[in-house]
Amino acid sequence: MKLRTGLMGAAATLAMAPAAFAERGSDGQLNIIMWQAPTLMHPYLSGGTKEVIAGSLVLEPLAGYDTEGQIYARLVTEIPSLENGGIAEDLTSVTWKLRDDVKWSDGTPLTSDDVVFTAEYCMDPEGGCAQLAKFEGITAVEAVDPQTVKVTFDSPRADPFSAFVGSQSPILQKAQFEACKGVNAPTCTDQNFGPIGTGPFRVTQFLTNDTISLEANPEYRDAAKPAFATVLVKGGGDAAGAARSVMETGEFDYAWNTQLAPDVIAGMEAAGRGKVSAAFGTLVERIHVNLTDPSSTLPEGERSTAAHPHPFLSDPAVRKALSMAIDRALLVEIGYGTSGQPTCNYVPAPEAWASDNTECLTQDIAGANALLDEAGWTMGGNGVREKDGVQLNMVFQTSVNAVRQDFQALIKQWWSEIGVQTELKTVDASVFFGSDAGSPDTLQKFYADVEMYADNFDGNNPAPYLSKWTCNKAPSPANQWQGENISRFCDPEYDRMVDEIEGIVDADERAAMGRTMNDMLTKDSNAIIPLVYRGTASAHSNTLGGVQLNAWDSEIWNVADWTRVEQ
């Protein structure tokens, strides 16, 4: 699949934007609504997209990805390459040269020590870093001098751009976070709510699950940017209310993640105040199967851990039957229209990495029933299958969202047709995608049998994204429930591939291994059951110029360039 972008009028918006800003802060306040309220302001303690988006207003990586998925320099003078000597000839290291005009918002200079510290922060084994896969295979991060950082790998890397590239891996200020490594990471409330950054804005107030107030960073390296003096990020509500506040009432300028049915969006756009922009990158709506036992009868600290395999989802036949029973085409029709495609893949793009895994695209209720019959799961008088005294009774959880609740209802019906009884559970999005290790309702804690959500990866290298599924990255009390391996999938052969894939130099060979790994997670094991390849979609006012929705990085990647325009 190739990158597809539908900006639905964004080009016209760009045409209205002035060629240059008169001065920093001249356009007043920017109002953003994120109905899934961010729980903190950086992505290292939460894998949620909302934290990536919010954090990108303040924090920056060394390099980012543009709307075509191409890497570009942000805090560095150039992108390292073999030609400029930034990538070692043996491909075992990459050297970054920092710009000399970048300051933190407190006026102190960005140095290589900050980059080294960021690696130490995320790689601390007791820290529960949500982006640890981006640091896979790194053996050293060294400050060669104040403006030079060298990253060394345990084997040659055809693509060395994972750590510090993209908004999921920004630089933290050492002076601010130095006391926040390891077990202390989640306790540093001031730092996590108000990180000092190099980006266009800085936090002035953070109210949990409510609002974030920001102001233009006086130390930002472009004296004419940002155009907005202040930013208000409002959390709470739902996708429909957020979209309505931009496209109908005009209360907000930008609404993140307008995950709504196509007819609902069309009705709101008819008001003439705003529009929805959509871009296809790597976002997949999917179901995760819990391979461990989430039962509340187990002692706290042992639920949903490798100490207790799941009583029936450990059976591959049950997992496969769950996938076979789903009509993905109907889900796309009711939930996304042209901004979605049925998929069987966890990694849908870039094209070379997309598996020809299409078996799941045809719903097969009869086949699923036959598979369960063969596996010894007999239909009981109550319409629920059982085996050895274990019934197929499941809790299916997801975040509160109209489209997701429609999906839940349909999937519950299909699963009932194969003898699976399903209890539906919905969790407020701010909690579900939150980072509170004490909450029983986060997607990482996974106190349910299956759960549904979506996320994606930065840039066009899926290897770090696939690296999340090693045995040692499963959430548990040992990593403060912040591990990335949500399904608790564990296969030594998969772990071996993770160790090898980044060292494969040949692009075709790397992509082939990536497709194999995708298949291991999906059709071979059904630990992940993909549903819909989604476009990233958000609404913006017709008076907001410069918006270029980015599906390969933070979608508001160029917020420093946004301006107020006349209609």
Protein backbone atom coordinates (compact mmCIF):
# COMPACT_ATOMS: atom_id res chain seq x y z
CA MET A 1 0.00 0.00 0.00
CA LYS A 2 1.24 3.44 -0.83
CA LEU A 3 0.84 6.52 1.29
CA ARG A 4 -2.47 8.17 0.50
CA THR A 5 -3.28 11.65 1.67
CA GLY A 6 -6.67 13.34 1.46
CA LEU A 7 -6.50 16.88 2.71
CA MET A 8 -10.05 17.80 1.71
CA GLY A 9 -9.41 21.47 1.21
CA ALA A 10 -6.19 21.85 3.21
CA ALA A 11 -4.42 23.06 0.08
CA ALA A 12 -6.80 25.98 -0.06
CA THR A 13 -6.11 26.71 3.59
CA LEU A 14 -2.39 26.76 2.90
CA ALA A 15 -2.91 29.15 0.02
CA MET A 16 -4.53 31.64 2.38
CA ALA A 17 -1.63 31.51 4.85
CA PRO A 18 0.70 34.52 4.72
CA ALA A 19 4.18 33.93 3.36
CA ALA A 20 5.84 35.13 6.55
CA PHE A 21 4.84 36.05 10.05
CA ALA A 22 4.81 39.65 11.15
CA GLU A 23 6.07 38.77 14.61
CA ARG A 24 5.98 36.05 17.24
CA GLY A 25 2.63 35.83 19.04
CA SER A 26 0.79 38.25 16.76
CA ASP A 27 -2.12 35.86 16.11
CA GLY A 28 -3.41 35.58 19.67
CA GLN A 29 -4.60 32.26 21.09
CA LEU A 30 -4.77 28.85 19.44
CA ASN A 31 -7.51 26.61 20.87
CA ILE A 32 -7.07 22.85 20.54
CA ILE A 33 -9.49 20.24 21.84
CA MET A 34 -8.29 16.70 22.60
CA TRP A 35 -11.28 14.74 23.82
CA GLN A 36 -8.87 12.08 25.11
CA ALA A 37 -7.16 14.31 27.65
CA PRO A 38 -3.36 13.94 27.85
CA THR A 39 -2.19 12.61 31.22
CA LEU A 40 1.33 14.07 30.93
CA MET A 41 3.48 16.03 28.51
CA HIS A 42 5.95 13.52 27.13
CA PRO A 43 5.73 10.08 25.50
CA TYR A 44 8.24 8.15 27.62
CA LEU A 45 5.79 7.15 30.35
CA SER A 46 2.80 6.59 28.08
CA GLY A 47 2.44 4.88 24.73
CA GLY A 48 -0.68 6.95 24.01
CA THR A 49 -0.85 9.07 20.88
CA LYS A 50 -2.42 11.90 22.89
CA GLU A 51 0.77 12.27 24.96
CA VAL A 52 2.87 12.29 21.79
CA ILE A 53 0.68 15.04 20.30
CA ALA A 54 0.62 17.19 23.43
CA GLY A 55 4.32 16.72 24.09
CA SER A 56 5.20 17.77 20.54
CA LEU A 57 4.07 21.30 21.32
CA VAL A 58 7.03 21.56 23.69
CA LEU A 59 9.57 18.81 23.09
CA GLU A 60 11.50 18.01 19.91
CA PRO A 61 13.52 15.09 18.56
CA LEU A 62 16.81 15.49 16.73
CA ALA A 63 15.01 14.79 13.46
CA GLY A 64 11.44 14.28 12.34
CA TYR A 65 9.38 12.86 9.49
CA ASP A 66 7.46 14.99 7.00
CA THR A 67 4.06 14.30 5.45
CA GLU A 68 5.64 11.88 2.96
CA GLY A 69 7.46 9.93 5.67
CA GLN A 70 10.84 11.40 4.74
CA ILE A 71 13.31 12.28 7.50
CA TYR A 72 14.31 15.93 7.98
CA ALA A 73 16.62 17.76 10.42
CA ARG A 74 15.21 19.58 13.46
CA LEU A 75 17.79 20.03 16.23
CA VAL A 76 20.73 18.97 14.07
CA THR A 77 22.62 20.61 11.23
CA GLU A 78 21.96 17.78 8.76
CA ILE A 79 20.76 14.20 8.52
CA PRO A 80 23.70 11.80 8.94
CA SER A 81 24.63 9.76 5.88
CA LEU A 82 27.48 7.69 4.52
CA GLU A 83 28.33 10.58 2.21
CA ASN A 84 28.73 13.19 4.96
CA GLY A 85 30.39 10.76 7.37
CA GLY A 86 27.53 10.78 9.84
CA ILE A 87 26.91 7.06 9.35
CA ALA A 88 29.95 4.85 9.88
CA GLU A 89 31.15 2.86 6.89
CA ASP A 90 30.55 -0.37 8.80
CA LEU A 91 27.02 0.88 9.66
CA THR A 92 27.56 0.29 13.39
CA SER A 93 27.21 3.92 14.49
CA VAL A 94 25.56 7.21 13.64
CA THR A 95 26.88 10.64 14.64
CA TRP A 96 24.62 13.64 15.09
CA LYS A 97 25.80 17.28 14.96
CA LEU A 98 23.61 19.57 17.04
CA ARG A 99 22.69 23.06 15.87
CA ASP A 100 24.43 25.79 17.88
CA ASP A 101 21.38 28.09 18.03
CA VAL A 102 19.03 25.86 20.02
CA LYS A 103 18.12 26.79 23.57
CA TRP A 104 15.81 25.26 26.10
CA SER A 105 12.88 27.47 27.06
CA ASP A 106 14.73 28.40 30.28
CA GLY A 107 17.48 29.99 28.18
CA THR A 108 20.16 27.31 28.66
CA PRO A 109 21.74 25.70 25.58
CA LEU A 110 20.86 22.26 24.26
CA THR A 111 23.97 20.05 24.44
CA SER A 112 24.95 16.49 23.71
CA ASP A 113 24.67 15.74 27.44
CA ASP A 114 20.91 16.14 27.13
CA VAL A 115 20.79 13.57 24.34
CA VAL A 116 22.92 11.11 26.30
CA PHE A 117 20.71 11.61 29.33
CA THR A 118 17.54 10.94 27.31
CA ALA A 119 18.95 7.56 26.30
CA GLU A 120 19.84 6.77 29.90
CA TYR A 121 16.35 7.81 31.01
CA CYS A 122 14.55 5.51 28.57
CA MET A 123 16.98 2.60 28.78
CA ASP A 124 16.87 2.38 32.58
CA PRO A 125 15.45 -1.12 33.24
CA GLU A 126 13.34 0.09 36.17
CA GLY A 127 11.85 3.07 34.36
CA GLY A 128 9.15 1.35 32.30
CA CYS A 129 9.91 3.49 29.25
CA ALA A 130 7.05 3.27 26.74
CA GLN A 131 9.48 3.88 23.84
CA LEU A 132 12.13 1.33 24.77
CA ALA A 133 11.88 -0.46 21.42
CA LYS A 134 13.37 2.61 19.72
CA PHE A 135 16.59 2.00 21.68
CA GLU A 136 16.81 -1.70 20.75
CA GLY A 137 20.40 -2.76 19.99
CA ILE A 138 22.04 0.48 21.16
CA THR A 139 25.23 -0.25 23.12
CA ALA A 140 26.39 3.30 23.74
CA VAL A 141 25.31 6.93 23.39
CA GLU A 142 28.32 9.21 23.83
CA ALA A 143 28.87 12.96 23.99
CA VAL A 144 31.86 13.42 21.69
CA ASP A 145 31.79 17.16 22.40
CA PRO A 146 29.04 19.59 23.45
CA GLN A 147 27.54 19.61 19.93
CA THR A 148 28.25 16.03 18.82
CA VAL A 149 26.53 12.76 19.81
CA LYS A 150 27.57 9.30 18.72
CA VAL A 151 25.15 6.35 18.90
CA THR A 152 26.71 2.90 18.62
CA PHE A 153 24.82 -0.29 17.78
CA ASP A 154 25.54 -3.94 18.51
CA SER A 155 25.49 -4.75 14.78
CA PRO A 156 25.38 -2.91 11.43
CA ARG A 157 22.22 -0.86 10.88
CA ALA A 158 20.87 -0.19 7.43
CA ASP A 159 18.53 2.36 9.02
CA PRO A 160 19.97 3.92 12.19
CA PHE A 161 17.11 6.38 12.65
CA SER A 162 15.03 5.14 15.57
CA ALA A 163 16.13 6.72 18.86
CA PHE A 164 15.78 10.53 18.90
CA VAL A 165 13.89 10.56 15.58
CA GLY A 166 10.19 11.40 15.44
CA SER A 167 7.97 12.84 18.15
CA GLN A 168 7.76 9.53 19.99
CA SER A 169 11.42 9.94 20.92
CA PRO A 170 12.13 13.59 21.84
CA ILE A 171 15.02 15.02 23.84
CA LEU A 172 14.55 15.67 27.57
CA GLN A 173 16.54 18.29 29.46
CA LYS A 174 19.07 16.59 31.71
CA ALA A 175 19.03 19.38 34.30
CA GLN A 176 15.27 19.05 34.75
CA PHE A 177 14.89 15.26 34.67
CA GLU A 178 18.17 14.12 36.22
CA ALA A 179 16.49 12.96 39.45
CA CYS A 180 13.68 11.21 37.54
CA LYS A 181 15.32 8.07 36.22
CA GLY A 182 14.25 4.50 36.96
CA VAL A 183 11.66 3.99 39.68
CA ASN A 184 11.50 7.76 40.23
CA ALA A 185 10.23 8.46 36.70
CA PRO A 186 6.48 8.46 37.41
CA THR A 187 6.88 10.38 40.69
CA CYS A 188 8.28 13.53 39.02
CA THR A 189 4.97 15.30 38.61
CA ASP A 190 6.34 18.78 37.91
CA GLN A 191 8.67 17.48 35.23
CA ASN A 192 6.12 15.18 33.61
CA PHE A 193 3.43 17.88 33.52
CA GLY A 194 5.70 20.78 32.58
CA PRO A 195 8.82 19.65 30.71
CA ILE A 196 11.25 22.32 29.62
CA GLY A 197 11.56 22.03 25.85
CA THR A 198 13.10 23.47 22.72
CA GLY A 199 9.83 23.54 20.78
CA PRO A 200 7.65 26.53 19.86
CA PHE A 201 5.66 26.59 23.12
CA ARG A 202 6.20 26.10 26.84
CA VAL A 203 3.75 24.92 29.51
CA THR A 204 2.38 27.49 31.94
CA GLN A 205 -0.25 25.29 33.62
CA PHE A 206 -1.23 21.61 33.48
CA LEU A 207 -4.55 20.54 35.00
CA THR A 208 -4.89 16.75 34.95
CA ASN A 209 -7.63 15.51 32.61
CA ASP A 210 -8.73 19.09 32.04
CA THR A 211 -6.67 21.80 30.35
CA ILE A 212 -3.10 22.57 29.38
CA SER A 213 -2.10 26.21 29.02
CA LEU A 214 0.99 27.15 27.02
CA GLU A 215 2.70 30.29 25.79
CA ALA A 216 5.12 31.00 22.98
CA ASN A 217 8.64 29.90 23.85
CA PRO A 218 10.66 33.14 24.09
CA GLU A 219 13.85 31.21 23.30
CA TYR A 220 12.56 29.50 20.14
CA ARG A 221 15.23 29.65 17.47
CA ASP A 222 13.06 31.36 14.83
CA ALA A 223 12.34 34.85 16.15
CA ALA A 224 9.17 35.19 14.02
CA LYS A 225 7.58 31.95 15.24
CA PRO A 226 5.23 30.75 16.54
CA ALA A 227 2.51 33.07 15.30
CA PHE A 228 0.28 32.25 18.26
CA ALA A 229 1.04 33.85 21.63
CA THR A 230 -0.77 31.22 23.68
CA VAL A 231 -2.29 27.78 23.28
CA LEU A 232 -5.15 26.23 25.22
CA VAL A 233 -5.47 22.43 25.00
CA LYS A 234 -8.84 21.30 26.36
CA GLY A 235 -9.39 17.67 27.34
CA GLY A 236 -12.53 15.65 27.89
CA GLY A 237 -15.82 15.03 26.15
CA ASP A 238 -16.08 12.83 23.08
CA ALA A 239 -15.10 12.84 19.42
CA ALA A 240 -18.47 14.16 18.24
CA GLY A 241 -18.45 17.07 20.68
CA ALA A 242 -14.87 17.94 19.76
CA ALA A 243 -15.58 17.92 16.02
CA ARG A 244 -18.74 19.97 16.55
CA SER A 245 -16.81 22.60 18.53
CA VAL A 246 -14.63 23.25 15.46
CA MET A 247 -16.94 22.72 12.51
CA GLU A 248 -20.27 23.94 13.90
CA THR A 249 -19.85 26.27 16.88
CA GLY A 250 -16.35 27.58 16.12
CA GLU A 251 -15.25 27.44 19.78
CA PHE A 252 -12.00 25.64 18.90
CA ASP A 253 -9.52 25.85 16.05
CA TYR A 254 -8.38 22.22 15.97
CA ALA A 255 -9.96 18.94 17.12
CA TRP A 256 -7.71 15.93 17.33
CA ASN A 257 -8.87 12.46 16.29
CA THR A 258 -12.35 13.00 14.92
CA GLN A 259 -13.09 9.27 14.87
CA LEU A 260 -16.67 9.50 13.60
CA ALA A 261 -18.89 7.89 11.00
CA PRO A 262 -18.59 9.49 7.52
CA ASP A 263 -22.19 10.76 7.46
CA VAL A 264 -21.72 12.50 10.82
CA ILE A 265 -18.61 14.32 9.58
CA ALA A 266 -20.33 15.38 6.35
CA GLY A 267 -23.20 16.88 8.32
CA MET A 268 -20.85 18.94 10.47
CA GLU A 269 -18.77 20.17 7.53
CA ALA A 270 -21.96 21.47 5.94
CA ALA A 271 -21.99 24.27 8.54
CA GLY A 272 -19.08 25.83 6.64
CA ARG A 273 -16.84 26.65 9.63
CA GLY A 274 -14.26 23.91 9.23
CA LYS A 275 -13.28 20.63 7.65
CA VAL A 276 -11.70 17.28 8.44
CA SER A 277 -8.26 16.49 7.06
CA ALA A 278 -7.18 12.87 6.71
CA ALA A 279 -3.89 11.18 5.87
CA PHE A 280 -2.92 7.51 5.59
CA GLY A 281 0.24 6.40 7.33
CA THR A 282 0.46 3.30 9.50
CA LEU A 283 -2.56 3.51 11.83
CA VAL A 284 -4.41 0.21 12.39
CA GLU A 285 -7.52 -0.34 14.53
CA ARG A 286 -7.08 -3.79 16.04
CA ILE A 287 -7.96 -6.22 18.79
CA HIS A 288 -5.29 -7.44 21.20
CA VAL A 289 -5.75 -10.86 22.71
CA ASN A 290 -4.57 -11.30 26.30
CA LEU A 291 -2.43 -14.43 26.38
CA THR A 292 -2.29 -14.26 30.17
CA ASP A 293 -5.05 -14.67 32.76
CA PRO A 294 -6.69 -11.38 33.86
CA SER A 295 -8.98 -13.05 36.41
CA SER A 296 -9.70 -11.04 39.55
CA THR A 297 -9.42 -14.27 41.54
CA LEU A 298 -5.64 -14.09 41.15
CA PRO A 299 -3.49 -12.12 43.61
CA GLU A 300 -2.84 -8.50 42.65
CA GLY A 301 0.50 -8.36 40.86
CA GLU A 302 -0.09 -11.73 39.18
CA ARG A 303 -3.13 -10.89 37.05
CA SER A 304 -2.30 -10.47 33.36
CA THR A 305 1.28 -11.64 33.86
CA ALA A 306 3.27 -14.53 32.43
CA ALA A 307 2.84 -16.38 35.75
CA HIS A 308 -0.64 -17.44 34.62
CA PRO A 309 -1.44 -18.35 30.97
CA HIS A 310 -4.95 -17.53 29.80
CA PRO A 311 -7.38 -20.45 30.43
CA PHE A 312 -8.75 -20.49 26.87
CA LEU A 313 -7.12 -17.75 24.78
CA SER A 314 -3.90 -19.74 25.05
CA ASP A 315 -5.58 -22.07 22.52
CA PRO A 316 -4.62 -20.95 18.97
CA ALA A 317 -7.89 -22.35 17.61
CA VAL A 318 -9.95 -20.01 19.80
CA ARG A 319 -7.92 -16.97 18.74
CA LYS A 320 -8.18 -17.86 15.06
CA ALA A 321 -11.93 -18.44 15.34
CA LEU A 322 -12.38 -14.99 16.87
CA SER A 323 -10.68 -13.45 13.84
CA MET A 324 -12.55 -15.57 11.30
CA ALA A 325 -15.93 -14.47 12.67
CA ILE A 326 -15.37 -10.75 11.97
CA ASP A 327 -16.71 -8.93 8.90
CA ARG A 328 -14.06 -6.25 8.45
CA ALA A 329 -15.64 -4.77 5.32
CA LEU A 330 -18.80 -3.97 7.27
CA LEU A 331 -16.77 -2.38 10.05
CA VAL A 332 -15.12 -0.08 7.51
CA GLU A 333 -18.47 0.79 5.94
CA ILE A 334 -20.13 1.85 9.19
CA GLY A 335 -17.10 3.37 10.88
CA TYR A 336 -14.78 4.97 8.36
CA GLY A 337 -16.01 4.95 4.78
CA THR A 338 -13.26 6.09 2.41
CA SER A 339 -10.92 6.86 5.32
CA GLY A 340 -10.54 3.17 6.16
CA GLN A 341 -9.64 -0.14 4.56
CA PRO A 342 -10.13 -3.70 5.85
CA THR A 343 -6.79 -5.20 6.81
CA CYS A 344 -5.21 -8.34 8.19
CA ASN A 345 -1.90 -6.61 8.88
CA TYR A 346 -0.42 -4.98 11.96
CA VAL A 347 2.09 -3.19 9.67
CA PRO A 348 0.15 -1.89 6.63
CA ALA A 349 2.92 0.32 5.18
CA PRO A 350 5.43 1.07 3.67
CA GLU A 351 4.42 -1.04 0.69
CA ALA A 352 7.50 -3.28 0.78
CA TRP A 353 6.74 -4.26 4.40
CA ALA A 354 3.02 -4.95 3.89
CA SER A 355 2.32 -8.69 3.92
CA ASP A 356 0.03 -10.29 1.34
CA ASN A 357 -1.89 -11.52 4.38
CA THR A 358 -5.50 -11.33 3.12
CA GLU A 359 -7.10 -14.49 4.51
CA CYS A 360 -9.04 -12.64 7.21
CA LEU A 361 -10.78 -10.31 4.76
CA THR A 362 -13.58 -12.83 4.19
CA GLN A 363 -15.82 -13.48 7.17
CA ASP A 364 -16.24 -17.21 7.82
CA ILE A 365 -18.67 -18.01 10.65
CA ALA A 366 -19.12 -21.61 9.49
CA GLY A 367 -15.37 -22.15 9.32
CA ALA A 368 -14.88 -20.68 12.79
CA ASN A 369 -17.51 -23.01 14.24
CA ALA A 370 -15.91 -26.00 12.53
CA LEU A 371 -12.49 -25.02 13.88
CA LEU A 372 -13.81 -24.81 17.45
CA ASP A 373 -15.63 -28.14 17.05
CA GLU A 374 -12.41 -29.76 15.91
CA ALA A 375 -10.50 -28.24 18.84
CA GLY A 376 -12.92 -29.85 21.29
CA TRP A 377 -14.92 -26.78 22.30
CA THR A 378 -18.50 -28.09 22.47
CA MET A 379 -21.60 -25.92 22.31
CA GLY A 380 -23.51 -25.83 25.58
CA GLY A 381 -27.26 -25.54 25.99
CA ASN A 382 -26.87 -21.85 26.73
CA GLY A 383 -25.14 -21.25 23.41
CA VAL A 384 -21.69 -20.92 24.99
CA ARG A 385 -18.90 -23.33 24.14
CA GLU A 386 -16.94 -25.12 26.82
CA LYS A 387 -14.11 -27.58 27.25
CA ASP A 388 -12.82 -29.29 30.38
CA GLY A 389 -15.09 -27.13 32.50
CA VAL A 390 -13.90 -23.84 30.96
CA GLN A 391 -16.47 -21.70 29.14
CA LEU A 392 -15.73 -19.18 26.42
CA ASN A 393 -16.81 -16.13 28.42
CA MET A 394 -14.85 -12.95 27.66
CA VAL A 395 -14.57 -9.31 28.69
CA PHE A 396 -14.00 -7.09 25.65
CA GLN A 397 -12.81 -3.59 26.57
CA THR A 398 -12.01 -0.43 24.67
CA SER A 399 -12.15 3.34 25.11
CA VAL A 400 -15.38 5.36 25.03
CA ASN A 401 -15.98 6.31 21.40
CA ALA A 402 -19.10 5.98 19.23
CA VAL A 403 -17.34 4.12 16.41
CA ARG A 404 -15.64 1.72 18.83
CA GLN A 405 -18.91 1.01 20.61
CA ASP A 406 -20.53 0.22 17.25
CA PHE A 407 -17.65 -2.15 16.53
CA GLN A 408 -18.00 -3.80 19.93
CA ALA A 409 -21.71 -4.45 19.41
CA LEU A 410 -21.21 -6.02 16.00
CA ILE A 411 -18.25 -8.13 17.07
CA LYS A 412 -20.12 -9.34 20.15
CA GLN A 413 -22.95 -10.53 17.87
CA TRP A 414 -20.57 -12.32 15.51
CA TRP A 415 -18.77 -13.99 18.38
CA SER A 416 -22.08 -15.16 19.85
CA GLU A 417 -22.68 -16.99 16.56
CA ILE A 418 -19.61 -19.14 17.24
CA GLY A 419 -20.42 -19.83 20.89
CA VAL A 420 -18.44 -17.07 22.59
CA GLN A 421 -20.21 -15.01 25.22
CA THR A 422 -18.87 -11.46 25.45
CA GLU A 423 -19.25 -8.80 28.11
CA LEU A 424 -18.57 -5.33 26.75
CA LYS A 425 -16.61 -2.83 28.82
CA THR A 426 -15.89 0.79 27.99
CA VAL A 427 -13.30 2.94 29.72
CA ASP A 428 -12.90 6.71 29.57
CA ALA A 429 -10.21 7.36 26.98
CA SER A 430 -8.08 9.45 29.32
CA VAL A 431 -7.92 6.49 31.71
CA PHE A 432 -7.62 3.73 29.11
CA PHE A 433 -4.72 5.45 27.36
CA GLY A 434 -3.33 6.86 30.60
CA SER A 435 -0.10 6.16 32.45
CA ASP A 436 -1.35 5.60 36.00
CA ALA A 437 0.26 2.36 37.15
CA GLY A 438 -2.31 2.16 39.94
CA SER A 439 -5.33 2.17 37.63
CA PRO A 440 -6.92 -1.20 36.79
CA ASP A 441 -8.30 0.14 33.51
CA THR A 442 -5.28 1.09 31.40
CA LEU A 443 -4.61 -0.72 28.15
CA GLN A 444 -1.21 -1.78 29.52
CA LYS A 445 -2.67 -3.31 32.70
CA PHE A 446 -5.11 -5.23 30.45
CA TYR A 447 -7.47 -6.60 33.07
CA ALA A 448 -9.71 -7.98 30.32
CA ASP A 449 -9.59 -10.83 27.82
CA VAL A 450 -9.45 -8.76 24.64
CA GLU A 451 -9.17 -5.04 23.98
CA MET A 452 -9.37 -2.76 20.96
CA TYR A 453 -7.44 0.40 20.07
CA ALA A 454 -5.09 1.84 17.45
CA ASP A 455 -1.62 3.34 17.31
CA ASN A 456 1.12 3.78 14.73
CA PHE A 457 4.84 4.35 14.34
CA ASP A 458 7.00 7.29 13.32
CA GLY A 459 8.58 7.36 9.89
CA ASN A 460 8.94 4.58 7.34
CA ASN A 461 10.99 2.02 9.30
CA PRO A 462 8.64 -0.48 11.00
CA ALA A 463 11.46 -2.45 12.67
CA PRO A 464 11.30 -0.60 16.04
CA TYR A 465 7.50 -0.97 15.99
CA LEU A 466 7.83 -4.71 15.48
CA SER A 467 10.47 -4.83 18.20
CA LYS A 468 7.84 -4.08 20.84
CA TRP A 469 6.72 -7.71 20.97
CA THR A 470 9.68 -9.39 22.64
CA CYS A 471 9.12 -11.46 25.78
CA ASN A 472 10.86 -8.95 28.05
CA LYS A 473 8.64 -6.01 27.06
CA ALA A 474 5.38 -7.35 28.48
CA PRO A 475 3.80 -4.96 31.03
CA SER A 476 4.14 -6.15 34.61
CA PRO A 477 4.70 -4.80 38.12
CA ALA A 478 8.45 -5.00 37.45
CA ASN A 479 8.24 -2.23 34.83
CA GLN A 480 5.37 -0.34 36.48
CA TRP A 481 2.94 -1.71 33.87
CA GLN A 482 4.54 0.39 31.14
CA GLY A 483 5.81 -2.41 28.86
CA GLU A 484 4.97 -2.25 25.16
CA ASN A 485 4.07 -5.91 24.56
CA ILE A 486 0.36 -5.53 25.31
CA SER A 487 -0.72 -9.06 24.33
CA ARG A 488 2.08 -10.66 26.40
CA PHE A 489 3.18 -12.46 23.22
CA CYS A 490 6.33 -14.50 23.77
CA ASP A 491 8.16 -16.48 21.08
CA PRO A 492 11.94 -17.06 21.23
CA GLU A 493 12.07 -17.20 17.44
CA TYR A 494 10.43 -13.78 17.24
CA ASP A 495 12.91 -12.42 19.80
CA ARG A 496 15.73 -13.76 17.61
CA MET A 497 14.35 -11.89 14.60
CA VAL A 498 14.15 -8.67 16.61
CA ASP A 499 17.84 -9.09 17.43
CA GLU A 500 18.66 -9.60 13.74
CA ILE A 501 16.39 -7.36 11.69
CA GLU A 502 18.10 -4.03 12.30
CA GLY A 503 21.42 -5.59 11.32
CA ILE A 504 20.18 -6.68 7.89
CA VAL A 505 21.60 -4.29 5.32
CA ASP A 506 19.72 -5.46 2.24
CA ALA A 507 16.42 -3.54 2.10
CA ASP A 508 14.46 -6.36 0.45
CA GLU A 509 15.71 -8.88 2.98
CA ARG A 510 14.79 -6.60 5.89
CA ALA A 511 11.31 -6.05 4.51
CA ALA A 512 10.85 -9.79 4.00
CA MET A 513 11.74 -10.48 7.62
CA GLY A 514 9.38 -7.69 8.67
CA ARG A 515 6.54 -9.32 6.75
CA THR A 516 7.31 -12.63 8.46
CA MET A 517 7.23 -10.95 11.88
CA ASN A 518 3.93 -9.26 11.02
CA ASP A 519 2.48 -12.65 10.10
CA MET A 520 3.74 -14.21 13.33
CA LEU A 521 1.83 -11.62 15.34
CA THR A 522 -1.31 -11.83 13.20
CA LYS A 523 -2.35 -14.81 11.08
CA ASP A 524 0.11 -17.30 12.59
CA SER A 525 -0.80 -16.62 16.23
CA ASN A 526 -3.73 -14.14 16.19
CA ALA A 527 -2.20 -12.50 19.26
CA ILE A 528 -3.14 -9.33 17.36
CA ILE A 529 -6.34 -9.29 15.29
CA PRO A 530 -6.16 -6.34 12.84
CA LEU A 531 -9.45 -4.80 11.76
CA VAL A 532 -9.13 -1.50 9.87
CA TYR A 533 -6.26 0.38 8.26
CA ARG A 534 -7.32 3.89 9.29
CA GLY A 535 -6.52 7.31 8.05
CA THR A 536 -5.47 9.79 10.70
CA ALA A 537 -8.32 12.32 10.78
CA SER A 538 -8.70 15.63 12.64
CA ALA A 539 -10.83 18.73 12.18
CA HIS A 540 -9.59 22.29 11.78
CA SER A 541 -11.20 25.67 11.40
CA ASN A 542 -11.24 27.48 8.09
CA THR A 543 -9.49 30.35 9.89
CA LEU A 544 -6.47 28.20 10.75
CA GLY A 545 -3.70 28.32 8.18
CA GLY A 546 -0.65 26.14 7.69
CA VAL A 547 -2.20 22.84 8.78
CA GLN A 548 -0.54 19.87 7.08
CA LEU A 549 -1.78 16.69 8.75
CA ASN A 550 1.10 14.26 9.22
CA ALA A 551 0.42 10.54 9.54
CA TRP A 552 4.13 9.66 9.94
CA ASP A 553 4.97 11.78 13.01
CA SER A 554 3.07 13.99 15.43
CA GLU A 555 0.13 15.11 13.32
CA ILE A 556 0.72 18.71 14.48
CA TRP A 557 4.40 18.43 13.53
CA ASN A 558 4.48 21.95 12.01
CA VAL A 559 2.44 23.80 14.65
CA ALA A 560 5.14 26.49 14.72
CA ASP A 561 4.00 27.39 11.18
CA TRP A 562 0.27 27.67 11.94
CA THR A 563 -1.31 31.08 11.55
CA ARG A 564 -4.66 32.85 11.77
CA VAL A 565 -6.11 33.59 8.34
CA GLU A 566 -9.16 35.43 7.04
CA GLN A 567 -11.86 33.40 5.31
